[in-house]
């Protein structure tokens, strides 16, 4: 699963949120369960936090939300 195909943007943020909702959860709940500040998740998905840690978190969020598997099928 290649998460590098996802460009940080408002659309990516919305897709990740939808992915968690589709799993019966939420982005905020995932952040809380994993010790991540929701603001950091938003910033990395939008691209305002784009250093190595932000990129690693973005890859994890894309993977955990399930949108990477969906985009690889299409």
PDB file of N, CA and C in Angstrom:
ATOM      1  N   UNK A   1       0.845  -1.167   0.000  1.00  0.00           N
ATOM      2  CA  UNK A   1       0.000   0.000   0.000  1.00  0.00           C
ATOM      3  C   UNK A   1       0.889   1.227   0.000  1.00  0.00           C
ATOM      4  N   UNK A   2       0.721   2.054  -0.990  1.00  0.00           N
ATOM      5  CA  UNK A   2       1.562   3.226  -1.155  1.00  0.00           C
ATOM      6  C   UNK A   2       0.820   4.475  -0.697  1.00  0.00           C
ATOM      7  N   UNK A   3       1.216   4.996   0.458  1.00  0.00           N
ATOM      8  CA  UNK A   3       0.553   6.182   1.003  1.00  0.00           C
ATOM      9  C   UNK A   3       1.152   7.455   0.429  1.00  0.00           C
ATOM     10  N   UNK A   4       2.231   7.341  -0.334  1.00  0.00           N
ATOM     11  CA  UNK A   4       2.865   8.523  -0.897  1.00  0.00           C
ATOM     12  C   UNK A   4       2.052   9.151  -2.020  1.00  0.00           C
ATOM     13  N   UNK A   5       1.038   8.460  -2.521  1.00  0.00           N
ATOM     14  CA  UNK A   5       0.199   8.999  -3.584  1.00  0.00           C
ATOM     15  C   UNK A   5      -0.802  10.024  -3.070  1.00  0.00           C
ATOM     16  N   UNK A   6      -0.858  10.208  -1.776  1.00  0.00           N
ATOM     17  CA  UNK A   6      -1.829  11.116  -1.167  1.00  0.00           C
ATOM     18  C   UNK A   6      -1.163  12.445  -0.860  1.00  0.00           C
ATOM     19  N   UNK A   7      -1.591  13.490  -1.557  1.00  0.00           N
ATOM     20  CA  UNK A   7      -1.061  14.829  -1.348  1.00  0.00           C
ATOM     21  C   UNK A   7      -1.771  15.475  -0.164  1.00  0.00           C
ATOM     22  N   UNK A   8      -1.015  16.067   0.766  1.00  0.00           N
ATOM     23  CA  UNK A   8      -1.653  16.738   1.902  1.00  0.00           C
ATOM     24  C   UNK A   8      -2.604  17.828   1.412  1.00  0.00           C
ATOM     25  N   UNK A   9      -3.816  17.812   1.940  1.00  0.00           N
ATOM     26  CA  UNK A   9      -4.819  18.795   1.526  1.00  0.00           C
ATOM     27  C   UNK A   9      -6.045  18.667   2.415  1.00  0.00           C
ATOM     28  N   UNK A  10      -6.957  19.595   2.235  1.00  0.00           N
ATOM     29  CA  UNK A  10      -8.242  19.541   2.937  1.00  0.00           C
ATOM     30  C   UNK A  10      -8.999  18.284   2.522  1.00  0.00           C
ATOM     31  N   UNK A  11      -8.881  17.918   1.254  1.00  0.00           N
ATOM     32  CA  UNK A  11      -9.542  16.727   0.746  1.00  0.00           C
ATOM     33  C   UNK A  11      -9.004  15.467   1.429  1.00  0.00           C
ATOM     34  N   UNK A  12      -7.683  15.387   1.616  1.00  0.00           N
ATOM     35  CA  UNK A  12      -7.099  14.236   2.305  1.00  0.00           C
ATOM     36  C   UNK A  12      -7.611  14.162   3.731  1.00  0.00           C
ATOM     37  N   UNK A  13      -7.660  15.295   4.406  1.00  0.00           N
ATOM     38  CA  UNK A  13      -8.199  15.349   5.768  1.00  0.00           C
ATOM     39  C   UNK A  13      -9.621  14.792   5.797  1.00  0.00           C
ATOM     40  N   UNK A  14     -10.454  15.222   4.852  1.00  0.00           N
ATOM     41  CA  UNK A  14     -11.842  14.741   4.802  1.00  0.00           C
ATOM     42  C   UNK A  14     -11.910  13.250   4.489  1.00  0.00           C
ATOM     43  N   UNK A  15     -11.032  12.771   3.612  1.00  0.00           N
ATOM     44  CA  UNK A  15     -11.020  11.343   3.274  1.00  0.00           C
ATOM     45  C   UNK A  15     -10.627  10.496   4.481  1.00  0.00           C
ATOM     46  N   UNK A  16      -9.626  10.937   5.229  1.00  0.00           N
ATOM     47  CA  UNK A  16      -9.190  10.203   6.416  1.00  0.00           C
ATOM     48  C   UNK A  16     -10.304  10.189   7.457  1.00  0.00           C
ATOM     49  N   UNK A  17     -10.930  11.325   7.672  1.00  0.00           N
ATOM     50  CA  UNK A  17     -12.056  11.372   8.620  1.00  0.00           C
ATOM     51  C   UNK A  17     -13.147  10.399   8.196  1.00  0.00           C
ATOM     52  N   UNK A  18     -13.481  10.406   6.906  1.00  0.00           N
ATOM     53  CA  UNK A  18     -14.520   9.501   6.393  1.00  0.00           C
ATOM     54  C   UNK A  18     -14.107   8.041   6.566  1.00  0.00           C
ATOM     55  N   UNK A  19     -12.827   7.753   6.380  1.00  0.00           N
ATOM     56  CA  UNK A  19     -12.341   6.387   6.563  1.00  0.00           C
ATOM     57  C   UNK A  19     -12.553   5.900   7.983  1.00  0.00           C
ATOM     58  N   UNK A  20     -12.251   6.750   8.959  1.00  0.00           N
ATOM     59  CA  UNK A  20     -12.464   6.357  10.355  1.00  0.00           C
ATOM     60  C   UNK A  20     -13.951   6.235  10.664  1.00  0.00           C
ATOM     61  N   UNK A  21     -14.753   7.136  10.149  1.00  0.00           N
ATOM     62  CA  UNK A  21     -16.195   7.071  10.383  1.00  0.00           C
ATOM     63  C   UNK A  21     -16.759   5.791   9.778  1.00  0.00           C
ATOM     64  N   UNK A  22     -16.264   5.411   8.604  1.00  0.00           N
ATOM     65  CA  UNK A  22     -16.694   4.170   7.968  1.00  0.00           C
ATOM     66  C   UNK A  22     -16.357   2.938   8.789  1.00  0.00           C
ATOM     67  N   UNK A  23     -15.385   3.053   9.677  1.00  0.00           N
ATOM     68  CA  UNK A  23     -15.006   1.957  10.564  1.00  0.00           C
ATOM     69  C   UNK A  23     -15.745   2.027  11.896  1.00  0.00           C
ATOM     70  N   UNK A  24     -16.638   3.000  12.013  1.00  0.00           N
ATOM     71  CA  UNK A  24     -17.392   3.152  13.260  1.00  0.00           C
ATOM     72  C   UNK A  24     -16.617   3.899  14.331  1.00  0.00           C
ATOM     73  N   UNK A  25     -15.617   4.652  13.934  1.00  0.00           N
ATOM     74  CA  UNK A  25     -14.795   5.395  14.876  1.00  0.00           C
ATOM     75  C   UNK A  25     -14.742   6.853  14.429  1.00  0.00           C
ATOM     76  N   UNK A  26     -13.703   7.555  14.829  1.00  0.00           N
ATOM     77  CA  UNK A  26     -13.494   8.927  14.377  1.00  0.00           C
ATOM     78  C   UNK A  26     -12.009   9.233  14.450  1.00  0.00           C
ATOM     79  N   UNK A  27     -11.604  10.260  13.738  1.00  0.00           N
ATOM     80  CA  UNK A  27     -10.213  10.692  13.774  1.00  0.00           C
ATOM     81  C   UNK A  27      -9.839  11.114  15.190  1.00  0.00           C
ATOM     82  N   UNK A  28     -10.699  11.841  15.853  1.00  0.00           N
ATOM     83  CA  UNK A  28     -10.427  12.300  17.218  1.00  0.00           C
ATOM     84  C   UNK A  28     -10.273  11.120  18.166  1.00  0.00           C
ATOM     85  N   UNK A  29     -11.120  10.131  18.041  1.00  0.00           N
ATOM     86  CA  UNK A  29     -11.045   8.945  18.904  1.00  0.00           C
ATOM     87  C   UNK A  29      -9.729   8.206  18.659  1.00  0.00           C
ATOM     88  N   UNK A  30      -9.336   8.069  17.388  1.00  0.00           N
ATOM     89  CA  UNK A  30      -8.075   7.400  17.073  1.00  0.00           C
ATOM     90  C   UNK A  30      -6.924   8.164  17.699  1.00  0.00           C
ATOM     91  N   UNK A  31      -6.937   9.488  17.568  1.00  0.00           N
ATOM     92  CA  UNK A  31      -5.882  10.307  18.153  1.00  0.00           C
ATOM     93  C   UNK A  31      -5.814  10.116  19.661  1.00  0.00           C
ATOM     94  N   UNK A  32      -6.943  10.161  20.307  1.00  0.00           N
ATOM     95  CA  UNK A  32      -7.001  10.000  21.755  1.00  0.00           C
ATOM     96  C   UNK A  32      -6.441   8.633  22.168  1.00  0.00           C
ATOM     97  N   UNK A  33      -6.814   7.580  21.447  1.00  0.00           N
ATOM     98  CA  UNK A  33      -6.355   6.227  21.773  1.00  0.00           C
ATOM     99  C   UNK A  33      -4.870   6.015  21.502  1.00  0.00           C
ATOM    100  N   UNK A  34      -4.282   6.864  20.654  1.00  0.00           N
ATOM    101  CA  UNK A  34      -2.880   6.702  20.280  1.00  0.00           C
ATOM    102  C   UNK A  34      -1.971   7.804  20.809  1.00  0.00           C
ATOM    103  N   UNK A  35      -2.506   8.640  21.693  1.00  0.00           N
ATOM    104  CA  UNK A  35      -1.699   9.683  22.318  1.00  0.00           C
ATOM    105  C   UNK A  35      -1.242  10.778  21.372  1.00  0.00           C
ATOM    106  N   UNK A  36      -2.057  11.055  20.346  1.00  0.00           N
ATOM    107  CA  UNK A  36      -1.741  12.089  19.364  1.00  0.00           C
ATOM    108  C   UNK A  36      -2.698  13.257  19.567  1.00  0.00           C
ATOM    109  N   UNK A  37      -2.179  14.468  19.549  1.00  0.00           N
ATOM    110  CA  UNK A  37      -3.051  15.636  19.614  1.00  0.00           C
ATOM    111  C   UNK A  37      -3.807  15.748  18.292  1.00  0.00           C
ATOM    112  N   UNK A  38      -5.127  15.885  18.335  1.00  0.00           N
ATOM    113  CA  UNK A  38      -5.896  16.007  17.090  1.00  0.00           C
ATOM    114  C   UNK A  38      -5.397  17.143  16.195  1.00  0.00           C
ATOM    115  N   UNK A  39      -4.916  18.228  16.795  1.00  0.00           N
ATOM    116  CA  UNK A  39      -4.404  19.345  16.008  1.00  0.00           C
ATOM    117  C   UNK A  39      -3.198  18.911  15.172  1.00  0.00           C
ATOM    118  N   UNK A  40      -2.351  18.050  15.726  1.00  0.00           N
ATOM    119  CA  UNK A  40      -1.192  17.563  14.980  1.00  0.00           C
ATOM    120  C   UNK A  40      -1.638  16.707  13.797  1.00  0.00           C
ATOM    121  N   UNK A  41      -2.661  15.899  14.008  1.00  0.00           N
ATOM    122  CA  UNK A  41      -3.183  15.074  12.918  1.00  0.00           C
ATOM    123  C   UNK A  41      -3.726  15.962  11.799  1.00  0.00           C
ATOM    124  N   UNK A  42      -4.460  16.976  12.164  1.00  0.00           N
ATOM    125  CA  UNK A  42      -5.019  17.896  11.165  1.00  0.00           C
ATOM    126  C   UNK A  42      -3.893  18.585  10.402  1.00  0.00           C
ATOM    127  N   UNK A  43      -2.896  19.086  11.112  1.00  0.00           N
ATOM    128  CA  UNK A  43      -1.790  19.797  10.461  1.00  0.00           C
ATOM    129  C   UNK A  43      -1.011  18.892   9.512  1.00  0.00           C
ATOM    130  N   UNK A  44      -0.789  17.648   9.895  1.00  0.00           N
ATOM    131  CA  UNK A  44      -0.025  16.779   8.990  1.00  0.00           C
ATOM    132  C   UNK A  44      -0.856  16.397   7.776  1.00  0.00           C
ATOM    133  N   UNK A  45      -2.152  16.237   7.932  1.00  0.00           N
ATOM    134  CA  UNK A  45      -3.008  15.890   6.789  1.00  0.00           C
ATOM    135  C   UNK A  45      -3.187  17.067   5.837  1.00  0.00           C
ATOM    136  N   UNK A  46      -3.164  18.270   6.381  1.00  0.00           N
ATOM    137  CA  UNK A  46      -3.320  19.469   5.551  1.00  0.00           C
ATOM    138  C   UNK A  46      -1.993  19.922   4.944  1.00  0.00           C
ATOM    139  N   UNK A  47      -0.869  19.433   5.475  1.00  0.00           N
ATOM    140  CA  UNK A  47       0.439  19.766   4.925  1.00  0.00           C
ATOM    141  C   UNK A  47       1.157  20.897   5.619  1.00  0.00           C
ATOM    142  N   UNK A  48       0.581  21.462   6.680  1.00  0.00           N
ATOM    143  CA  UNK A  48       1.266  22.540   7.388  1.00  0.00           C
ATOM    144  C   UNK A  48       2.339  21.991   8.329  1.00  0.00           C
ATOM    145  N   UNK A  49       2.270  20.714   8.661  1.00  0.00           N
ATOM    146  CA  UNK A  49       3.312  20.028   9.420  1.00  0.00           C
ATOM    147  C   UNK A  49       3.822  18.932   8.502  1.00  0.00           C
ATOM    148  N   UNK A  50       4.898  19.216   7.763  1.00  0.00           N
ATOM    149  CA  UNK A  50       5.318  18.313   6.695  1.00  0.00           C
ATOM    150  C   UNK A  50       6.757  17.837   6.832  1.00  0.00           C
ATOM    151  N   UNK A  51       7.283  17.888   8.057  1.00  0.00           N
ATOM    152  CA  UNK A  51       8.613  17.336   8.296  1.00  0.00           C
ATOM    153  C   UNK A  51       8.541  15.820   8.407  1.00  0.00           C
ATOM    154  N   UNK A  52       9.636  15.193   8.767  1.00  0.00           N
ATOM    155  CA  UNK A  52       9.660  13.730   8.849  1.00  0.00           C
ATOM    156  C   UNK A  52       8.609  13.150   9.804  1.00  0.00           C
ATOM    157  N   UNK A  53       8.421  13.782  10.959  1.00  0.00           N
ATOM    158  CA  UNK A  53       7.421  13.279  11.908  1.00  0.00           C
ATOM    159  C   UNK A  53       6.008  13.473  11.372  1.00  0.00           C
ATOM    160  N   UNK A  54       5.767  14.607  10.750  1.00  0.00           N
ATOM    161  CA  UNK A  54       4.452  14.860  10.159  1.00  0.00           C
ATOM    162  C   UNK A  54       4.151  13.887   9.035  1.00  0.00           C
ATOM    163  N   UNK A  55       5.145  13.605   8.216  1.00  0.00           N
ATOM    164  CA  UNK A  55       4.959  12.656   7.119  1.00  0.00           C
ATOM    165  C   UNK A  55       4.711  11.249   7.647  1.00  0.00           C
ATOM    166  N   UNK A  56       5.425  10.875   8.724  1.00  0.00           N
ATOM    167  CA  UNK A  56       5.224   9.550   9.316  1.00  0.00           C
ATOM    168  C   UNK A  56       3.816   9.430   9.895  1.00  0.00           C
ATOM    169  N   UNK A  57       3.359  10.480  10.586  1.00  0.00           N
ATOM    170  CA  UNK A  57       2.007  10.450  11.138  1.00  0.00           C
ATOM    171  C   UNK A  57       0.971  10.413  10.025  1.00  0.00           C
ATOM    172  N   UNK A  58       1.184  11.175   8.965  1.00  0.00           N
ATOM    173  CA  UNK A  58       0.255  11.178   7.837  1.00  0.00           C
ATOM    174  C   UNK A  58       0.153   9.776   7.229  1.00  0.00           C
ATOM    175  N   UNK A  59       1.283   9.111   7.048  1.00  0.00           N
ATOM    176  CA  UNK A  59       1.277   7.753   6.494  1.00  0.00           C
ATOM    177  C   UNK A  59       0.504   6.799   7.405  1.00  0.00           C
ATOM    178  N   UNK A  60       0.693   6.939   8.720  1.00  0.00           N
ATOM    179  CA  UNK A  60      -0.004   6.079   9.672  1.00  0.00           C
ATOM    180  C   UNK A  60      -1.509   6.347   9.639  1.00  0.00           C
ATOM    181  N   UNK A  61      -1.891   7.609   9.578  1.00  0.00           N
ATOM    182  CA  UNK A  61      -3.316   7.955   9.538  1.00  0.00           C
ATOM    183  C   UNK A  61      -3.973   7.431   8.258  1.00  0.00           C
ATOM    184  N   UNK A  62      -3.282   7.565   7.144  1.00  0.00           N
ATOM    185  CA  UNK A  62      -3.827   7.070   5.875  1.00  0.00           C
ATOM    186  C   UNK A  62      -4.018   5.565   5.943  1.00  0.00           C
ATOM    187  N   UNK A  63      -3.022   4.887   6.485  1.00  0.00           N
ATOM    188  CA  UNK A  63      -3.091   3.435   6.600  1.00  0.00           C
ATOM    189  C   UNK A  63      -4.192   3.001   7.560  1.00  0.00           C
ATOM    190  N   UNK A  64      -4.225   3.586   8.736  1.00  0.00           N
ATOM    191  CA  UNK A  64      -5.195   3.208   9.774  1.00  0.00           C
ATOM    192  C   UNK A  64      -6.638   3.558   9.382  1.00  0.00           C
ATOM    193  N   UNK A  65      -6.803   4.606   8.603  1.00  0.00           N
ATOM    194  CA  UNK A  65      -8.164   4.989   8.211  1.00  0.00           C
ATOM    195  C   UNK A  65      -8.730   4.064   7.134  1.00  0.00           C
ATOM    196  N   UNK A  66      -7.844   3.332   6.473  1.00  0.00           N
ATOM    197  CA  UNK A  66      -8.301   2.402   5.438  1.00  0.00           C
ATOM    198  C   UNK A  66      -8.410   3.007   4.058  1.00  0.00           C
ATOM    199  N   UNK A  67      -8.089   4.289   3.898  1.00  0.00           N
ATOM    200  CA  UNK A  67      -8.261   4.887   2.562  1.00  0.00           C
ATOM    201  C   UNK A  67      -7.168   4.461   1.600  1.00  0.00           C
ATOM    202  N   UNK A  68      -6.015   4.018   2.130  1.00  0.00           N
ATOM    203  CA  UNK A  68      -4.932   3.561   1.249  1.00  0.00           C
ATOM    204  C   UNK A  68      -5.372   2.305   0.503  1.00  0.00           C
ATOM    205  N   UNK A  69      -6.053   1.404   1.193  1.00  0.00           N
ATOM    206  CA  UNK A  69      -6.516   0.163   0.559  1.00  0.00           C
ATOM    207  C   UNK A  69      -7.564   0.454  -0.492  1.00  0.00           C
ATOM    208  N   UNK A  70      -8.421   1.431  -0.238  1.00  0.00           N
ATOM    209  CA  UNK A  70      -9.472   1.788  -1.189  1.00  0.00           C
ATOM    210  C   UNK A  70      -8.863   2.391  -2.447  1.00  0.00           C
ATOM    211  N   UNK A  71      -7.884   3.296  -2.282  1.00  0.00           N
ATOM    212  CA  UNK A  71      -7.324   3.970  -3.450  1.00  0.00           C
ATOM    213  C   UNK A  71      -6.454   3.019  -4.282  1.00  0.00           C
ATOM    214  N   UNK A  72      -5.913   1.961  -3.673  1.00  0.00           N
ATOM    215  CA  UNK A  72      -5.115   1.001  -4.418  1.00  0.00           C
ATOM    216  C   UNK A  72      -5.972   0.085  -5.262  1.00  0.00           C
ATOM    217  N   UNK A  73      -7.242  -0.084  -4.900  1.00  0.00           N
ATOM    218  CA  UNK A  73      -8.159  -0.930  -5.660  1.00  0.00           C
ATOM    219  C   UNK A  73      -8.610  -0.217  -6.917  1.00  0.00           C
ATOM    220  N   UNK A  74      -8.814   1.087  -6.800  1.00  0.00           N
ATOM    221  CA  UNK A  74      -9.322   1.880  -7.924  1.00  0.00           C
ATOM    222  C   UNK A  74      -8.333   2.028  -9.035  1.00  0.00           C
TER     223      UNK A  74
END
